[in-house]
Amino acid sequence: MSEATRRSPDEVGARLESGKDALLVCAYADEAKFRGARLEGAISLGTLNAKLPSLSKGAEIIFYCG
């Protein structure tokens, strides 16, 4: 596992638009908070937990909170 790296919004946008294996995840566990802070293309923390077994080892997971 890699160390967490802070990225600017521009860097995150470029990474997601590049088509590389990256996943945008809202860090709130509460679904109501997720809906209030959801960014386009983001998934909830609960959805991430359900997807973990099927994610590739090289996938970049980008967490944010609003």
N, C-alpha and C. Protein backbone atom coordinates (compact mmCIF):
# COMPACT_ATOMS: atom_id res chain seq x y z
N MET A 1 0.85 -1.18 0.00
CA MET A 1 0.00 0.00 0.00
C MET A 1 0.89 1.24 0.00
N SER A 2 0.51 2.22 -0.78
CA SER A 2 1.27 3.47 -0.89
C SER A 2 0.85 4.45 0.19
N GLU A 3 1.73 5.38 0.43
CA GLU A 3 1.44 6.46 1.37
C GLU A 3 0.45 7.43 0.72
N ALA A 4 -0.43 8.01 1.52
CA ALA A 4 -1.41 8.96 1.01
C ALA A 4 -0.70 10.22 0.50
N THR A 5 -1.20 10.74 -0.61
CA THR A 5 -0.66 11.94 -1.23
C THR A 5 -1.79 12.94 -1.41
N ARG A 6 -1.57 14.17 -1.01
CA ARG A 6 -2.56 15.21 -1.24
C ARG A 6 -2.44 15.68 -2.69
N ARG A 7 -3.59 15.88 -3.32
CA ARG A 7 -3.62 16.34 -4.70
C ARG A 7 -4.56 17.55 -4.80
N SER A 8 -4.24 18.44 -5.70
CA SER A 8 -5.09 19.60 -5.93
C SER A 8 -6.32 19.15 -6.73
N PRO A 9 -7.40 19.93 -6.69
CA PRO A 9 -8.57 19.60 -7.51
C PRO A 9 -8.22 19.47 -8.99
N ASP A 10 -7.33 20.31 -9.49
CA ASP A 10 -6.93 20.22 -10.90
C ASP A 10 -6.22 18.90 -11.20
N GLU A 11 -5.35 18.47 -10.28
CA GLU A 11 -4.64 17.20 -10.46
C GLU A 11 -5.63 16.03 -10.47
N VAL A 12 -6.59 16.06 -9.56
CA VAL A 12 -7.59 14.99 -9.48
C VAL A 12 -8.41 14.97 -10.77
N GLY A 13 -8.85 16.13 -11.21
CA GLY A 13 -9.64 16.20 -12.44
C GLY A 13 -8.88 15.63 -13.63
N ALA A 14 -7.61 15.99 -13.75
CA ALA A 14 -6.79 15.49 -14.86
C ALA A 14 -6.61 13.98 -14.76
N ARG A 15 -6.42 13.49 -13.56
CA ARG A 15 -6.24 12.04 -13.36
C ARG A 15 -7.50 11.28 -13.78
N LEU A 16 -8.65 11.77 -13.36
CA LEU A 16 -9.90 11.10 -13.69
C LEU A 16 -10.21 11.19 -15.18
N GLU A 17 -9.90 12.31 -15.81
CA GLU A 17 -10.16 12.48 -17.24
C GLU A 17 -9.20 11.67 -18.11
N SER A 18 -8.06 11.30 -17.55
CA SER A 18 -7.05 10.58 -18.34
C SER A 18 -7.48 9.16 -18.69
N GLY A 19 -8.50 8.65 -17.99
CA GLY A 19 -8.96 7.29 -18.25
C GLY A 19 -8.15 6.24 -17.53
N LYS A 20 -7.19 6.66 -16.72
CA LYS A 20 -6.40 5.70 -15.96
C LYS A 20 -7.27 5.09 -14.86
N ASP A 21 -6.80 4.03 -14.28
CA ASP A 21 -7.54 3.28 -13.28
C ASP A 21 -7.60 4.07 -11.96
N ALA A 22 -8.58 4.96 -11.83
CA ALA A 22 -8.73 5.78 -10.63
C ALA A 22 -10.20 5.83 -10.24
N LEU A 23 -10.44 5.87 -8.94
CA LEU A 23 -11.79 5.86 -8.41
C LEU A 23 -11.94 7.01 -7.42
N LEU A 24 -12.97 7.85 -7.60
CA LEU A 24 -13.23 8.98 -6.72
C LEU A 24 -14.24 8.55 -5.67
N VAL A 25 -13.87 8.69 -4.39
CA VAL A 25 -14.70 8.19 -3.29
C VAL A 25 -14.93 9.29 -2.27
N CYS A 26 -16.19 9.52 -1.94
CA CYS A 26 -16.53 10.45 -0.86
C CYS A 26 -16.22 9.75 0.46
N ALA A 27 -15.48 10.38 1.33
CA ALA A 27 -15.01 9.75 2.56
C ALA A 27 -16.06 9.69 3.67
N TYR A 28 -17.24 10.23 3.45
CA TYR A 28 -18.28 10.17 4.47
C TYR A 28 -18.95 8.81 4.48
N ALA A 29 -19.06 8.20 5.64
CA ALA A 29 -19.74 6.91 5.77
C ALA A 29 -21.26 7.08 5.74
N ASP A 30 -21.74 8.24 6.13
CA ASP A 30 -23.17 8.53 6.18
C ASP A 30 -23.68 8.83 4.77
N GLU A 31 -24.68 8.08 4.32
CA GLU A 31 -25.19 8.25 2.96
C GLU A 31 -25.80 9.64 2.72
N ALA A 32 -26.43 10.22 3.74
CA ALA A 32 -27.00 11.57 3.58
C ALA A 32 -25.88 12.59 3.35
N LYS A 33 -24.78 12.47 4.08
CA LYS A 33 -23.64 13.37 3.87
C LYS A 33 -23.05 13.15 2.48
N PHE A 34 -22.99 11.89 2.05
CA PHE A 34 -22.48 11.59 0.71
C PHE A 34 -23.33 12.30 -0.34
N ARG A 35 -24.63 12.18 -0.24
CA ARG A 35 -25.51 12.82 -1.23
C ARG A 35 -25.33 14.33 -1.22
N GLY A 36 -25.07 14.92 -0.06
CA GLY A 36 -24.88 16.37 0.04
C GLY A 36 -23.54 16.85 -0.48
N ALA A 37 -22.54 15.96 -0.51
CA ALA A 37 -21.20 16.35 -0.92
C ALA A 37 -20.74 15.63 -2.18
N ARG A 38 -21.65 14.97 -2.87
CA ARG A 38 -21.29 14.13 -4.02
C ARG A 38 -20.76 14.96 -5.18
N LEU A 39 -19.64 14.51 -5.71
CA LEU A 39 -19.08 15.09 -6.92
C LEU A 39 -19.40 14.16 -8.08
N GLU A 40 -19.45 14.70 -9.28
CA GLU A 40 -19.76 13.90 -10.46
C GLU A 40 -18.78 12.73 -10.58
N GLY A 41 -19.32 11.54 -10.72
CA GLY A 41 -18.51 10.35 -10.90
C GLY A 41 -18.06 9.69 -9.61
N ALA A 42 -18.36 10.31 -8.47
CA ALA A 42 -17.92 9.75 -7.19
C ALA A 42 -18.84 8.63 -6.72
N ILE A 43 -18.26 7.75 -5.90
CA ILE A 43 -19.05 6.71 -5.25
C ILE A 43 -18.97 6.91 -3.74
N SER A 44 -19.88 6.28 -3.03
CA SER A 44 -19.89 6.40 -1.58
C SER A 44 -18.88 5.43 -0.96
N LEU A 45 -18.57 5.65 0.29
CA LEU A 45 -17.66 4.78 1.03
C LEU A 45 -18.24 3.36 1.11
N GLY A 46 -19.55 3.26 1.30
CA GLY A 46 -20.20 1.95 1.34
C GLY A 46 -20.06 1.20 0.02
N THR A 47 -20.19 1.92 -1.08
CA THR A 47 -20.03 1.30 -2.40
C THR A 47 -18.58 0.85 -2.59
N LEU A 48 -17.63 1.66 -2.14
CA LEU A 48 -16.23 1.27 -2.24
C LEU A 48 -16.00 -0.03 -1.48
N ASN A 49 -16.51 -0.12 -0.27
CA ASN A 49 -16.31 -1.33 0.53
C ASN A 49 -16.85 -2.56 -0.19
N ALA A 50 -17.97 -2.41 -0.87
CA ALA A 50 -18.55 -3.53 -1.61
C ALA A 50 -17.70 -3.90 -2.83
N LYS A 51 -17.03 -2.92 -3.42
CA LYS A 51 -16.22 -3.15 -4.63
C LYS A 51 -14.80 -3.60 -4.35
N LEU A 52 -14.32 -3.46 -3.12
CA LEU A 52 -12.92 -3.72 -2.82
C LEU A 52 -12.41 -5.07 -3.36
N PRO A 53 -13.15 -6.15 -3.17
CA PRO A 53 -12.63 -7.43 -3.66
C PRO A 53 -12.40 -7.48 -5.17
N SER A 54 -13.13 -6.67 -5.93
CA SER A 54 -13.01 -6.74 -7.39
C SER A 54 -12.10 -5.65 -7.98
N LEU A 55 -11.57 -4.76 -7.17
CA LEU A 55 -10.70 -3.70 -7.68
C LEU A 55 -9.32 -4.25 -8.04
N SER A 56 -8.74 -3.70 -9.09
CA SER A 56 -7.39 -4.12 -9.46
C SER A 56 -6.41 -3.57 -8.43
N LYS A 57 -5.32 -4.27 -8.25
CA LYS A 57 -4.30 -3.88 -7.27
C LYS A 57 -3.69 -2.52 -7.60
N GLY A 58 -3.68 -2.15 -8.86
CA GLY A 58 -3.08 -0.88 -9.26
C GLY A 58 -4.03 0.29 -9.28
N ALA A 59 -5.28 0.07 -8.89
CA ALA A 59 -6.27 1.16 -8.93
C ALA A 59 -5.90 2.25 -7.92
N GLU A 60 -6.00 3.49 -8.37
CA GLU A 60 -5.78 4.61 -7.47
C GLU A 60 -7.14 5.00 -6.89
N ILE A 61 -7.21 5.09 -5.56
CA ILE A 61 -8.45 5.48 -4.89
C ILE A 61 -8.22 6.89 -4.36
N ILE A 62 -9.06 7.81 -4.82
CA ILE A 62 -8.95 9.22 -4.44
C ILE A 62 -10.12 9.55 -3.53
N PHE A 63 -9.80 9.85 -2.26
CA PHE A 63 -10.83 10.20 -1.28
C PHE A 63 -10.97 11.71 -1.19
N TYR A 64 -12.18 12.15 -0.95
CA TYR A 64 -12.42 13.58 -0.70
C TYR A 64 -13.52 13.71 0.34
N CYS A 65 -13.60 14.85 0.97
CA CYS A 65 -14.74 15.17 1.82
C CYS A 65 -15.11 16.61 1.53
N GLY A 66 -16.38 16.88 1.60
CA GLY A 66 -16.87 18.19 1.20
C GLY A 66 -17.09 19.06 2.36
